Protein backbone atom coordinates (compact mmCIF):
# COMPACT_ATOMS: atom_id res chain seq x y z
CA MET A 1 -28.33 -16.65 -15.21
CA ARG A 2 -25.36 -16.75 -17.50
CA CYS A 3 -21.89 -16.06 -16.19
CA ASP A 4 -18.29 -16.80 -17.11
CA ARG A 5 -17.14 -18.65 -14.10
CA ILE A 6 -18.33 -19.95 -10.79
CA TRP A 7 -16.47 -20.98 -7.69
CA ARG A 8 -18.47 -23.30 -5.41
CA LYS A 9 -18.08 -25.35 -2.27
CA ALA A 10 -16.04 -22.51 -0.91
CA ARG A 11 -15.89 -20.71 2.42
CA LEU A 12 -15.88 -16.95 2.02
CA ALA A 13 -14.44 -14.10 3.98
CA THR A 14 -16.29 -11.43 2.01
CA LEU A 15 -15.21 -8.42 4.17
CA ALA A 16 -18.54 -6.92 3.08
CA PRO A 17 -19.42 -4.04 5.50
CA ALA A 18 -23.02 -5.27 5.69
CA ARG A 19 -21.80 -8.57 7.26
CA GLU A 20 -20.42 -8.81 10.77
CA GLY A 21 -16.72 -9.21 11.31
CA LEU A 22 -14.97 -10.83 8.33
CA GLY A 23 -18.29 -11.46 6.61
CA LEU A 24 -17.90 -15.20 6.83
CA VAL A 25 -19.94 -17.62 4.67
CA GLU A 26 -19.46 -21.33 5.38
CA ASP A 27 -21.04 -22.74 2.24
CA GLY A 28 -20.42 -20.06 -0.34
CA LEU A 29 -20.43 -19.39 -3.97
CA VAL A 30 -18.85 -16.74 -6.17
CA ALA A 31 -20.06 -16.04 -9.72
CA ALA A 32 -18.39 -13.62 -12.13
CA ARG A 33 -18.97 -12.28 -15.64
CA ASP A 34 -16.67 -10.02 -17.66
CA GLY A 35 -14.32 -9.80 -14.68
CA VAL A 36 -16.88 -8.50 -12.31
CA ILE A 37 -18.54 -10.31 -9.37
CA LEU A 38 -22.21 -11.06 -9.97
CA TYR A 39 -22.79 -12.77 -6.67
CA ALA A 40 -20.79 -13.72 -3.54
CA GLY A 41 -22.68 -15.27 -0.68
CA PRO A 42 -24.40 -18.39 0.57
CA ALA A 43 -24.74 -21.06 -2.09
CA GLU A 44 -28.35 -21.78 -1.08
CA GLU A 45 -29.32 -18.15 -1.78
CA ALA A 46 -27.56 -17.91 -5.10
CA PRO A 47 -29.49 -17.46 -8.40
CA ASP A 48 -29.49 -20.35 -10.82
CA PHE A 49 -26.16 -19.62 -12.55
CA ASP A 50 -24.86 -21.34 -15.66
CA ALA A 51 -21.09 -21.10 -16.59
CA PRO A 52 -18.63 -22.82 -18.82
CA LEU A 53 -16.07 -22.93 -16.04
CA ILE A 54 -17.14 -24.25 -12.63
CA GLU A 55 -14.41 -24.58 -9.93
CA ASP A 56 -14.89 -26.91 -6.98
CA CYS A 57 -12.97 -25.20 -4.13
CA ALA A 58 -13.28 -28.28 -1.82
CA GLY A 59 -13.92 -26.19 1.25
CA ARG A 60 -10.99 -23.76 0.71
CA TRP A 61 -11.34 -20.17 1.91
CA ILE A 62 -11.74 -17.25 -0.55
CA THR A 63 -10.84 -13.75 0.45
CA PRO A 64 -10.68 -10.60 -1.73
CA GLY A 65 -7.38 -10.31 -3.55
CA LEU A 66 -4.82 -8.63 -1.30
CA VAL A 67 -4.03 -4.91 -1.62
CA ASP A 68 -0.58 -3.51 -0.77
CA CYS A 69 -1.44 0.16 -0.45
CA HIS A 70 2.03 1.61 0.41
CA THR A 71 5.26 0.64 -1.35
CA HIS A 72 8.33 2.18 -2.84
CA LEU A 73 8.81 -0.91 -5.05
CA VAL A 74 10.71 0.79 -7.93
CA TYR A 75 14.19 2.00 -7.26
CA GLY A 76 17.84 1.43 -8.35
CA GLY A 77 20.47 -0.50 -6.43
CA ASP A 78 19.94 -1.80 -2.83
CA ARG A 79 21.30 -0.93 0.62
CA ALA A 80 22.24 -4.40 2.01
CA ASP A 81 25.80 -3.22 2.47
CA GLU A 82 24.58 -0.38 4.74
CA PHE A 83 22.55 -2.83 6.71
CA GLU A 84 25.58 -4.97 7.23
CA ARG A 85 27.71 -1.93 8.25
CA ARG A 86 25.08 -0.75 10.74
CA LEU A 87 25.00 -4.17 12.27
CA SER A 88 28.84 -3.90 12.73
CA GLY A 89 28.32 -0.73 14.71
CA VAL A 90 28.86 1.98 12.07
CA PRO A 91 26.52 4.96 12.84
CA TYR A 92 23.96 5.91 10.18
CA GLU A 93 25.34 9.48 10.13
CA GLU A 94 28.73 8.22 9.16
CA ILE A 95 27.19 6.13 6.35
CA ALA A 96 25.24 9.05 5.14
CA ARG A 97 28.32 11.36 5.15
CA ALA A 98 30.00 8.73 2.95
CA GLY A 99 27.25 8.95 0.32
CA GLY A 100 24.94 6.29 1.77
CA GLY A 101 21.34 6.50 2.92
CA ILE A 102 18.67 7.80 0.60
CA VAL A 103 21.32 9.64 -1.51
CA SER A 104 22.81 6.30 -2.55
CA THR A 105 19.39 5.13 -3.74
CA MET A 106 18.79 8.40 -5.54
CA ARG A 107 22.07 8.09 -7.41
CA ALA A 108 21.40 4.47 -8.39
CA THR A 109 17.81 5.38 -9.48
CA ARG A 110 18.97 8.28 -11.50
CA ALA A 111 21.56 6.13 -13.25
CA ALA A 112 18.99 3.49 -14.05
CA SER A 113 16.95 3.27 -17.25
CA GLU A 114 13.21 2.59 -17.17
CA GLN A 115 13.98 -0.93 -18.35
CA ASP A 116 16.49 -1.37 -15.54
CA LEU A 117 13.96 -0.15 -13.04
CA VAL A 118 11.39 -2.66 -14.22
CA ALA A 119 13.80 -5.57 -14.31
CA SER A 120 14.97 -4.96 -10.71
CA ALA A 121 11.42 -4.46 -9.40
CA LEU A 122 9.88 -7.57 -11.03
CA PRO A 123 11.20 -10.10 -8.43
CA ARG A 124 9.86 -7.99 -5.64
CA LEU A 125 6.48 -7.68 -7.40
CA ASP A 126 6.45 -11.43 -8.14
CA ALA A 127 6.96 -12.22 -4.50
CA LEU A 128 3.86 -10.17 -3.57
CA ILE A 129 1.82 -11.61 -6.43
CA ALA A 130 2.73 -15.14 -5.18
CA GLU A 131 0.98 -14.26 -1.90
CA GLY A 132 -2.21 -13.25 -3.48
CA VAL A 133 -1.68 -9.53 -4.04
CA THR A 134 -3.88 -8.26 -6.92
CA THR A 135 -3.48 -4.42 -6.45
CA ILE A 136 -0.36 -2.53 -5.45
CA GLU A 137 0.50 1.09 -4.91
CA ILE A 138 3.91 2.20 -6.06
CA LYS A 139 5.57 5.52 -5.21
CA SER A 140 8.29 7.50 -6.91
CA GLY A 141 10.49 9.57 -4.63
CA TYR A 142 14.06 8.22 -5.31
CA GLY A 143 14.65 10.33 -8.43
CA LEU A 144 14.14 13.76 -6.80
CA GLU A 145 14.41 15.48 -10.28
CA LEU A 146 11.85 15.39 -13.04
CA GLY A 147 13.37 12.96 -15.48
CA ALA A 148 14.16 10.34 -12.85
CA GLU A 149 10.79 10.74 -11.11
CA MET A 150 9.04 10.23 -14.39
CA ARG A 151 11.12 7.12 -15.17
CA GLN A 152 10.05 5.70 -11.79
CA LEU A 153 6.41 6.31 -12.53
CA ARG A 154 6.60 4.99 -15.99
CA ALA A 155 8.34 1.90 -14.77
CA ALA A 156 5.58 1.38 -12.18
CA ARG A 157 3.01 1.61 -14.92
CA ALA A 158 5.06 -0.83 -17.03
CA LEU A 159 4.96 -3.33 -14.18
CA GLY A 160 1.15 -3.26 -14.40
CA ALA A 161 1.46 -4.22 -18.06
CA ALA A 162 4.05 -6.86 -17.53
CA ARG A 163 2.08 -8.74 -14.83
CA PRO A 164 -1.60 -9.33 -14.14
CA ILE A 165 -1.84 -6.77 -11.32
CA THR A 166 -3.53 -3.35 -10.88
CA VAL A 167 -0.87 -0.66 -10.16
CA ALA A 168 -1.76 2.63 -8.53
CA THR A 169 1.06 5.26 -8.86
CA THR A 170 1.94 7.97 -6.47
CA PHE A 171 4.24 10.98 -7.04
CA LEU A 172 6.42 11.49 -3.96
CA GLY A 173 8.81 14.20 -5.12
CA ALA A 174 8.60 15.69 -1.58
CA HIS A 175 10.46 12.66 -0.13
CA ALA A 176 13.87 14.07 0.55
CA LEU A 177 16.11 16.96 -0.45
CA PRO A 178 18.55 16.13 -3.27
CA PRO A 179 22.24 17.26 -2.70
CA GLU A 180 22.13 19.75 -5.62
CA ALA A 181 19.47 21.72 -3.68
CA ASN A 182 22.25 22.81 -1.27
CA GLY A 183 19.86 22.66 1.67
CA ASP A 184 17.31 25.05 0.21
CA LYS A 185 14.03 23.18 0.85
CA ASP A 186 11.88 26.14 -0.13
CA ALA A 187 13.43 26.45 -3.56
CA TYR A 188 13.12 22.67 -4.17
CA VAL A 189 9.46 22.78 -3.19
CA ARG A 190 8.90 25.62 -5.58
CA ARG A 191 10.57 23.64 -8.33
CA LEU A 192 8.40 20.66 -7.47
CA ILE A 193 5.24 22.68 -7.64
CA ASP A 194 6.15 24.78 -10.74
CA GLU A 195 7.93 22.16 -12.85
CA MET A 196 7.71 18.63 -11.73
CA LEU A 197 4.01 18.30 -10.60
CA PRO A 198 2.60 19.93 -13.82
CA ALA A 199 4.59 17.70 -16.09
CA ILE A 200 3.64 14.51 -14.19
CA ALA A 201 -0.09 15.55 -14.08
CA ARG A 202 -0.06 16.49 -17.83
CA ASP A 203 1.27 12.97 -18.69
CA GLY A 204 -1.12 11.26 -16.42
CA LEU A 205 1.69 9.41 -14.59
CA ALA A 206 0.34 9.70 -11.03
CA ASP A 207 -2.93 8.72 -9.41
CA ALA A 208 -2.07 10.63 -6.21
CA VAL A 209 0.61 12.85 -4.61
CA ASP A 210 2.45 12.03 -1.37
CA ALA A 211 4.96 13.82 0.83
CA PHE A 212 7.16 13.14 3.78
CA CYS A 213 6.32 15.55 6.68
CA GLU A 214 9.18 15.21 9.16
CA GLY A 215 12.07 17.21 10.57
CA ILE A 216 14.50 15.43 8.30
CA ALA A 217 12.21 15.97 5.37
CA PHE A 218 9.66 18.71 4.86
CA SER A 219 7.73 21.05 7.16
CA PRO A 220 3.96 21.13 7.47
CA GLU A 221 3.95 24.49 5.74
CA GLN A 222 5.95 23.13 2.76
CA VAL A 223 3.75 20.07 2.57
CA ALA A 224 0.60 22.15 2.53
CA LEU A 225 1.84 24.07 -0.53
CA VAL A 226 2.53 20.73 -2.29
CA PHE A 227 -0.93 19.46 -1.38
CA ALA A 228 -2.72 22.64 -2.55
CA ALA A 229 -0.80 22.35 -5.86
CA ALA A 230 -1.74 18.59 -6.22
CA GLN A 231 -5.39 19.34 -5.62
CA ALA A 232 -5.33 22.08 -8.23
CA HIS A 233 -4.22 19.43 -10.67
CA GLY A 234 -7.17 17.17 -9.55
CA LEU A 235 -4.94 14.73 -7.68
CA PRO A 236 -5.73 13.31 -4.26
CA VAL A 237 -3.09 13.40 -1.57
CA LYS A 238 -1.70 11.11 1.07
CA LEU A 239 1.06 11.71 3.67
CA HIS A 240 4.01 10.08 5.43
CA ALA A 241 2.99 11.50 8.86
CA ASP A 242 4.14 11.52 12.48
CA GLN A 243 6.67 8.65 11.94
CA LEU A 244 9.62 9.97 13.93
CA SER A 245 8.06 12.98 15.76
CA ASN A 246 4.71 14.68 16.13
CA LEU A 247 4.61 17.49 13.63
CA HIS A 248 0.69 17.08 13.53
CA GLY A 249 1.02 15.46 10.21
CA ALA A 250 -2.16 13.40 10.73
CA ALA A 251 -4.21 16.59 11.31
CA LEU A 252 -2.59 18.20 8.19
CA ALA A 253 -3.50 15.18 6.06
CA ALA A 254 -7.05 15.32 7.34
CA ARG A 255 -7.26 19.10 6.62
CA PHE A 256 -6.62 18.35 2.97
CA GLY A 257 -9.08 15.30 2.94
CA ALA A 258 -6.12 12.92 2.39
CA LEU A 259 -6.90 9.43 1.27
CA SER A 260 -4.55 8.15 3.97
CA ALA A 261 -1.92 9.15 6.52
CA ASP A 262 0.83 6.59 6.88
CA HIS A 263 3.16 5.48 9.71
CA LEU A 264 1.57 7.50 12.52
CA GLU A 265 3.70 6.23 15.39
CA HIS A 266 3.64 9.69 17.06
CA THR A 267 0.08 10.76 16.22
CA ASP A 268 -1.79 12.34 19.11
CA ALA A 269 -5.54 12.22 20.02
CA ALA A 270 -6.23 15.41 18.08
CA GLY A 271 -4.75 13.92 14.97
CA VAL A 272 -6.76 10.79 15.40
CA ALA A 273 -9.97 12.89 15.82
CA ALA A 274 -9.22 14.89 12.68
CA MET A 275 -8.63 11.71 10.65
CA ALA A 276 -11.90 10.35 11.87
CA GLN A 277 -13.83 13.43 10.82
CA ALA A 278 -12.20 13.56 7.47
CA GLY A 279 -12.48 9.86 6.68
CA THR A 280 -8.69 9.50 6.27
CA VAL A 281 -7.44 5.97 6.48
CA ALA A 282 -4.54 5.10 8.85
CA VAL A 283 -2.01 3.07 6.97
CA LEU A 284 0.23 1.25 9.50
CA LEU A 285 3.64 -0.07 8.43
CA PRO A 286 4.98 -2.58 10.86
CA GLY A 287 7.94 -3.56 8.51
CA ALA A 288 9.50 -0.14 9.01
CA TYR A 289 8.67 -0.08 12.74
CA TYR A 290 10.49 -3.46 13.03
CA PHE A 291 13.41 -2.70 10.75
CA ILE A 292 14.47 0.60 12.37
CA ARG A 293 13.76 -0.77 15.90
CA GLU A 294 11.12 1.79 16.67
CA THR A 295 9.78 1.61 20.19
CA LYS A 296 6.74 3.86 20.02
CA ALA A 297 3.80 1.97 18.33
CA PRO A 298 1.00 3.92 16.52
CA PRO A 299 -2.06 4.62 18.71
CA VAL A 300 -4.14 1.63 17.51
CA ASP A 301 -6.45 1.91 20.51
CA LEU A 302 -7.29 5.52 19.66
CA PHE A 303 -7.87 4.62 16.02
CA ARG A 304 -10.14 1.79 17.03
CA ALA A 305 -12.11 3.94 19.49
CA ALA A 306 -12.56 6.81 16.98
CA GLY A 307 -13.59 4.50 14.12
CA VAL A 308 -10.60 5.39 11.97
CA PRO A 309 -10.13 2.62 9.25
CA MET A 310 -6.80 0.85 9.64
CA ALA A 311 -4.87 -0.52 6.69
CA LEU A 312 -1.64 -2.55 6.67
CA ALA A 313 1.06 -2.42 4.02
CA THR A 314 4.68 -3.64 3.38
CA ASP A 315 6.26 -0.19 2.84
CA CYS A 316 8.63 -2.16 0.58
CA ASN A 317 11.69 0.05 0.21
CA PRO A 318 15.50 -0.35 0.29
CA GLY A 319 16.31 1.63 3.37
CA THR A 320 13.80 1.00 6.16
CA SER A 321 11.52 -1.81 5.05
CA PRO A 322 12.86 -4.29 2.55
CA LEU A 323 9.74 -6.42 2.97
CA THR A 324 8.00 -8.33 0.17
CA SER A 325 5.49 -10.23 2.19
CA LEU A 326 2.02 -8.89 2.99
CA LEU A 327 1.32 -12.04 5.00
CA LEU A 328 4.29 -11.28 7.23
CA ALA A 329 3.04 -7.58 7.51
CA MET A 330 -0.22 -8.96 8.90
CA ASN A 331 1.62 -11.09 11.50
CA MET A 332 3.62 -8.02 12.49
CA GLY A 333 0.51 -5.86 12.73
CA ALA A 334 -0.89 -8.40 15.14
CA THR A 335 2.21 -9.06 17.20
CA LEU A 336 3.80 -5.60 17.25
CA PHE A 337 0.69 -3.36 17.13
CA ARG A 338 -1.83 -5.81 18.81
CA MET A 339 -4.30 -5.66 15.94
CA THR A 340 -6.92 -8.36 15.75
CA VAL A 341 -7.22 -10.96 13.00
CA ALA A 342 -10.22 -9.18 11.59
CA GLU A 343 -8.38 -5.86 11.64
CA CYS A 344 -5.33 -7.38 9.91
CA LEU A 345 -7.30 -9.01 7.10
CA ALA A 346 -9.52 -5.96 6.61
CA GLY A 347 -6.30 -3.93 6.57
CA VAL A 348 -4.92 -5.69 3.55
CA THR A 349 -8.21 -5.82 1.66
CA ARG A 350 -11.16 -3.52 2.41
CA GLU A 351 -9.32 -0.70 4.20
CA ALA A 352 -6.24 -0.91 1.94
CA ALA A 353 -8.53 -0.41 -1.05
CA ARG A 354 -10.14 2.63 0.68
CA ALA A 355 -6.64 4.03 1.29
CA LEU A 356 -6.18 4.13 -2.46
CA GLY A 357 -9.47 5.58 -3.22
CA MET A 358 -10.53 2.31 -4.80
CA GLY A 359 -13.02 1.04 -2.26
CA ASP A 360 -15.89 1.14 -4.77
CA ARG A 361 -14.02 -1.24 -7.13
CA ILE A 362 -12.02 -3.72 -5.04
CA GLY A 363 -11.34 -4.91 -1.38
CA THR A 364 -14.51 -6.96 -0.76
CA LEU A 365 -16.42 -9.91 -2.21
CA GLU A 366 -19.53 -8.12 -3.28
CA ALA A 367 -21.62 -7.88 -6.47
CA GLY A 368 -20.26 -5.12 -8.75
CA LYS A 369 -16.71 -5.33 -7.52
CA ALA A 370 -13.80 -6.56 -9.58
CA CYS A 371 -13.43 -10.40 -9.42
CA ASP A 372 -10.11 -10.26 -7.60
CA LEU A 373 -9.80 -13.35 -5.40
CA ALA A 374 -7.30 -15.17 -3.29
CA ILE A 375 -7.99 -18.80 -2.57
CA TRP A 376 -6.28 -20.29 0.41
CA ASP A 377 -5.42 -23.82 1.74
CA VAL A 378 -6.19 -22.96 5.38
CA GLU A 379 -8.68 -24.26 7.97
CA ARG A 380 -9.58 -20.82 9.18
CA PRO A 381 -8.75 -17.23 8.16
CA ALA A 382 -6.75 -16.71 11.40
CA GLU A 383 -3.99 -18.87 9.93
CA LEU A 384 -3.22 -16.17 7.36
CA VAL A 385 -2.20 -13.85 10.23
CA TYR A 386 -0.90 -16.48 12.65
CA ARG A 387 1.77 -18.26 10.51
CA MET A 388 5.15 -16.96 9.67
CA GLY A 389 7.07 -17.90 6.60
CA LEU A 390 4.32 -20.09 5.11
CA ASN A 391 2.41 -19.18 1.99
CA PRO A 392 -0.87 -21.21 1.79
CA LEU A 393 -2.09 -19.52 -1.44
CA HIS A 394 -3.95 -22.07 -3.57
CA ALA A 395 -4.93 -19.78 -6.48
CA ARG A 396 -5.03 -16.10 -7.33
CA ILE A 397 -7.67 -14.67 -9.58
CA ARG A 398 -7.57 -11.15 -11.03
CA GLY A 399 -10.39 -9.80 -13.12
CA GLY A 400 -12.05 -13.22 -13.10
CA ARG A 401 -8.96 -14.95 -14.54
């Protein structure tokens, strides 16, 4: 059978649901044509392939390309100075009153051109690519007015053109209230629904719509209005839910059939059950948990018992998770949330793909999926979760190249 490229003498972690655990294959082979996997499995069961390019992996491990399914990668400025001030004992409220916090990022983002936003995001993106990431989600949410939100989303799309990576974009206009709203959240939500969302949907800039459901952000009732409008435009939804308190965001996300509910530190058993019934993925973000010194971990045992898929992501953002390592996010998921090696690896491949609504295209090594691979210099897959600060990536393949 003719194909473009073969990887042989490899050990595979296929993550295929039909195989147990990580779907391990000790003597494996992957064959691809036109950027799509034709075969991934035991070499002895493979068809008789013929290819102009045959790679000898010398026993290295191949996993699906990694998927970072929750980031705020595109923004202006940074908040390292605020981090330093907080370490010196300055309260966050004082920093915020002085124009810090999300408002400082909003101002820097509004002042930045699309080219500025792309240039500042590229080093962060390159760090993730260097660890085997082949698909990334990027949210807006630091413009908080139509022009700046559209620039963020266009910059995110431009990153996908500038680098060999698949970019999924998410409109997060309901992230925070801008100062010019003068505290009127309802009026801002109306403007988001009547002006911002239609323009973004018309221009095809977003693959999904997100919101932050929290006392410091938007109420469940306000989020429900945003979600109903998103679905009227044919856009799936996801939600920052139950991070700082239990406003029953997980159940709200499930009610709208959300792709994912993210953070979830304060989610209760009813929220878990609703997510399980709706098929909503739990996206856990240990970088933010670590950075803001949270003490209440998400209910991993409940998710596990209910069969709720769990994904892991960096939540890369300037304020609460300046993390650009999905490998470290896996280690944090294991050490802080007590996730297993198999859960962590599935969380940055198969389940992360599902959280983006892309599970039919990426996230496992199976025939018909995109040939997105990460090839590792490790003796066993557990090393990818166990080690801290070491990047054992040997090669990264996207679309068979």
